[in-house]
């Protein structure tokens, strides 16, 4: 089970920025996620709600038998195995899919997170995120942003 830790807060001394749903929806729309690869803005907001609860600095640990297998970073919970370099995975010299350090995804500027999410969804669709499959896929999200003025 994924345990969420606000590790970056301890490391940087900074407080996490937690977006409001409508504020984030506007930012994601401005950066081209509404309709990207066929996924509505509601899908992206649902994904973020269940992955990070809109927290920009969250780090999730994926553990099995008391051992950390990988970590997930930032508002989209970008995984260290394939997408970013955290220095902990088996192939630290291999270039990861987003070409960034994982710590780059745990700050309040989420433009690079959005660009990486676009790279992730391109080959895998939103199935790359378990929480999207479990909580958002095949659900009626039509009124998910009704309270937002978008």
Protein backbone atom coordinates (compact mmCIF):
# COMPACT_ATOMS: atom_id res chain seq x y z
CA UNK A 1 0.00 0.00 0.00
CA UNK A 2 1.25 3.44 -0.85
CA UNK A 3 2.13 5.45 2.22
CA UNK A 4 2.17 9.19 1.67
CA UNK A 5 4.90 11.17 3.36
CA UNK A 6 5.51 14.85 3.17
CA UNK A 7 9.21 14.16 2.98
CA UNK A 8 10.00 17.26 0.98
CA UNK A 9 8.67 19.51 3.70
CA UNK A 10 11.16 18.04 6.11
CA UNK A 11 13.99 18.32 3.63
CA UNK A 12 13.33 21.82 2.38
CA UNK A 13 11.64 23.40 5.38
CA UNK A 14 9.01 24.78 3.02
CA UNK A 15 5.31 24.31 3.50
CA UNK A 16 3.53 22.37 0.78
CA UNK A 17 1.23 24.20 -1.55
CA UNK A 18 -2.16 22.53 -1.80
CA UNK A 19 -4.23 23.69 -4.75
CA UNK A 20 -7.94 24.27 -4.63
CA UNK A 21 -9.73 22.10 -7.18
CA UNK A 22 -10.97 24.96 -9.38
CA UNK A 23 -7.65 26.81 -9.25
CA UNK A 24 -5.84 23.68 -10.42
CA UNK A 25 -8.44 23.02 -13.13
CA UNK A 26 -7.78 26.47 -14.60
CA UNK A 27 -4.01 25.91 -14.54
CA UNK A 28 -4.28 22.47 -16.17
CA UNK A 29 -6.58 23.85 -18.85
CA UNK A 30 -4.18 26.74 -19.61
CA UNK A 31 -1.39 24.18 -20.00
CA UNK A 32 -3.22 21.99 -22.48
CA UNK A 33 -4.48 19.04 -20.44
CA UNK A 34 -8.20 19.45 -21.19
CA UNK A 35 -8.75 16.87 -23.93
CA UNK A 36 -5.09 15.84 -24.07
CA UNK A 37 -4.90 12.32 -25.55
CA UNK A 38 -8.69 12.17 -25.25
CA UNK A 39 -8.88 12.72 -21.50
CA UNK A 40 -11.17 15.44 -20.21
CA UNK A 41 -10.13 18.00 -17.62
CA UNK A 42 -12.41 16.18 -15.16
CA UNK A 43 -10.27 13.05 -15.55
CA UNK A 44 -7.09 14.98 -14.79
CA UNK A 45 -8.60 16.63 -11.71
CA UNK A 46 -9.99 13.32 -10.48
CA UNK A 47 -6.55 11.76 -10.96
CA UNK A 48 -4.83 14.50 -8.94
CA UNK A 49 -7.45 14.36 -6.21
CA UNK A 50 -6.83 10.66 -5.61
CA UNK A 51 -3.07 10.68 -6.23
CA UNK A 52 -1.98 13.66 -4.12
CA UNK A 53 -5.07 15.45 -2.83
CA UNK A 54 -3.78 18.51 -4.74
CA UNK A 55 -0.54 18.66 -2.70
CA UNK A 56 2.50 19.75 -4.73
CA UNK A 57 5.17 18.42 -2.37
CA UNK A 58 3.95 14.97 -1.48
CA UNK A 59 6.19 11.91 -1.80
CA UNK A 60 4.59 8.48 -1.75
CA UNK A 61 6.56 5.33 -1.01
CA UNK A 62 5.65 2.06 -2.70
CA UNK A 63 6.61 -0.70 -0.29
CA UNK A 64 6.47 -4.45 -0.19
CA UNK A 65 7.62 -6.58 2.72
CA UNK A 66 9.05 -3.53 4.47
CA UNK A 67 11.21 -2.55 1.50
CA UNK A 68 10.73 0.57 -0.61
CA UNK A 69 10.45 -0.45 -4.26
CA UNK A 70 9.93 3.00 -5.74
CA UNK A 71 8.69 6.46 -4.87
CA UNK A 72 6.08 8.76 -6.38
CA UNK A 73 6.61 12.51 -6.52
CA UNK A 74 4.47 15.62 -6.61
CA UNK A 75 0.94 16.46 -7.57
CA UNK A 76 0.72 13.70 -10.23
CA UNK A 77 2.76 11.21 -8.15
CA UNK A 78 5.35 10.65 -10.88
CA UNK A 79 7.08 7.33 -10.35
CA UNK A 80 10.84 6.99 -9.93
CA UNK A 81 11.23 3.68 -11.74
CA UNK A 82 10.43 4.89 -15.24
CA UNK A 83 9.86 8.63 -15.23
CA UNK A 84 12.31 10.46 -12.98
CA UNK A 85 15.67 9.94 -11.30
CA UNK A 86 15.80 9.74 -7.52
CA UNK A 87 19.17 7.98 -7.15
CA UNK A 88 17.47 5.01 -5.49
CA UNK A 89 16.49 2.81 -8.42
CA UNK A 90 18.64 0.05 -9.93
CA UNK A 91 19.61 1.88 -13.11
CA UNK A 92 20.59 5.40 -12.01
CA UNK A 93 22.56 6.07 -15.22
CA UNK A 94 19.66 5.19 -17.53
CA UNK A 95 17.78 8.26 -18.73
CA UNK A 96 14.25 8.28 -17.36
CA UNK A 97 11.21 9.17 -19.49
CA UNK A 98 10.79 12.75 -18.31
CA UNK A 99 14.52 13.52 -18.12
CA UNK A 100 14.22 15.15 -14.70
CA UNK A 101 15.25 14.56 -11.13
CA UNK A 102 12.29 13.39 -9.03
CA UNK A 103 12.84 16.25 -6.61
CA UNK A 104 11.99 18.62 -9.48
CA UNK A 105 8.39 17.46 -9.08
CA UNK A 106 8.01 18.38 -5.41
CA UNK A 107 7.86 22.15 -5.64
CA UNK A 108 5.11 24.65 -6.24
CA UNK A 109 5.89 25.17 -9.94
CA UNK A 110 3.98 22.31 -11.54
CA UNK A 111 4.59 23.20 -15.20
CA UNK A 112 7.28 20.51 -15.47
CA UNK A 113 4.94 18.07 -13.68
CA UNK A 114 2.28 18.77 -16.32
CA UNK A 115 4.78 18.20 -19.14
CA UNK A 116 5.86 14.92 -17.57
CA UNK A 117 2.23 13.81 -17.08
CA UNK A 118 1.73 14.39 -20.81
CA UNK A 119 4.69 12.12 -21.55
CA UNK A 120 3.35 9.44 -19.22
CA UNK A 121 -0.15 9.44 -20.71
CA UNK A 122 1.13 9.29 -24.29
CA UNK A 123 2.19 5.62 -24.32
CA UNK A 124 0.14 4.30 -21.41
CA UNK A 125 -3.00 6.37 -21.17
CA UNK A 126 -4.26 7.18 -17.71
CA UNK A 127 -3.97 3.49 -16.87
CA UNK A 128 -0.46 4.41 -15.77
CA UNK A 129 -2.06 5.65 -12.53
CA UNK A 130 -3.70 2.98 -10.39
CA UNK A 131 -5.77 5.52 -8.46
CA UNK A 132 -7.27 6.80 -11.71
CA UNK A 133 -8.24 3.26 -12.73
CA UNK A 134 -9.74 2.59 -9.31
CA UNK A 135 -11.52 5.90 -8.70
CA UNK A 136 -12.09 7.71 -12.00
CA UNK A 137 -12.11 5.33 -14.96
CA UNK A 138 -15.58 4.52 -16.32
CA UNK A 139 -17.20 6.87 -13.82
CA UNK A 140 -19.49 9.72 -14.72
CA UNK A 141 -17.26 12.74 -14.09
CA UNK A 142 -19.57 15.10 -15.97
CA UNK A 143 -20.36 17.19 -12.92
CA UNK A 144 -16.96 16.89 -11.26
CA UNK A 145 -16.14 20.53 -12.00
CA UNK A 146 -19.65 22.00 -11.80
CA UNK A 147 -18.68 24.23 -8.88
CA UNK A 148 -15.82 25.75 -10.90
CA UNK A 149 -16.25 28.69 -13.25
CA UNK A 150 -14.26 27.39 -16.16
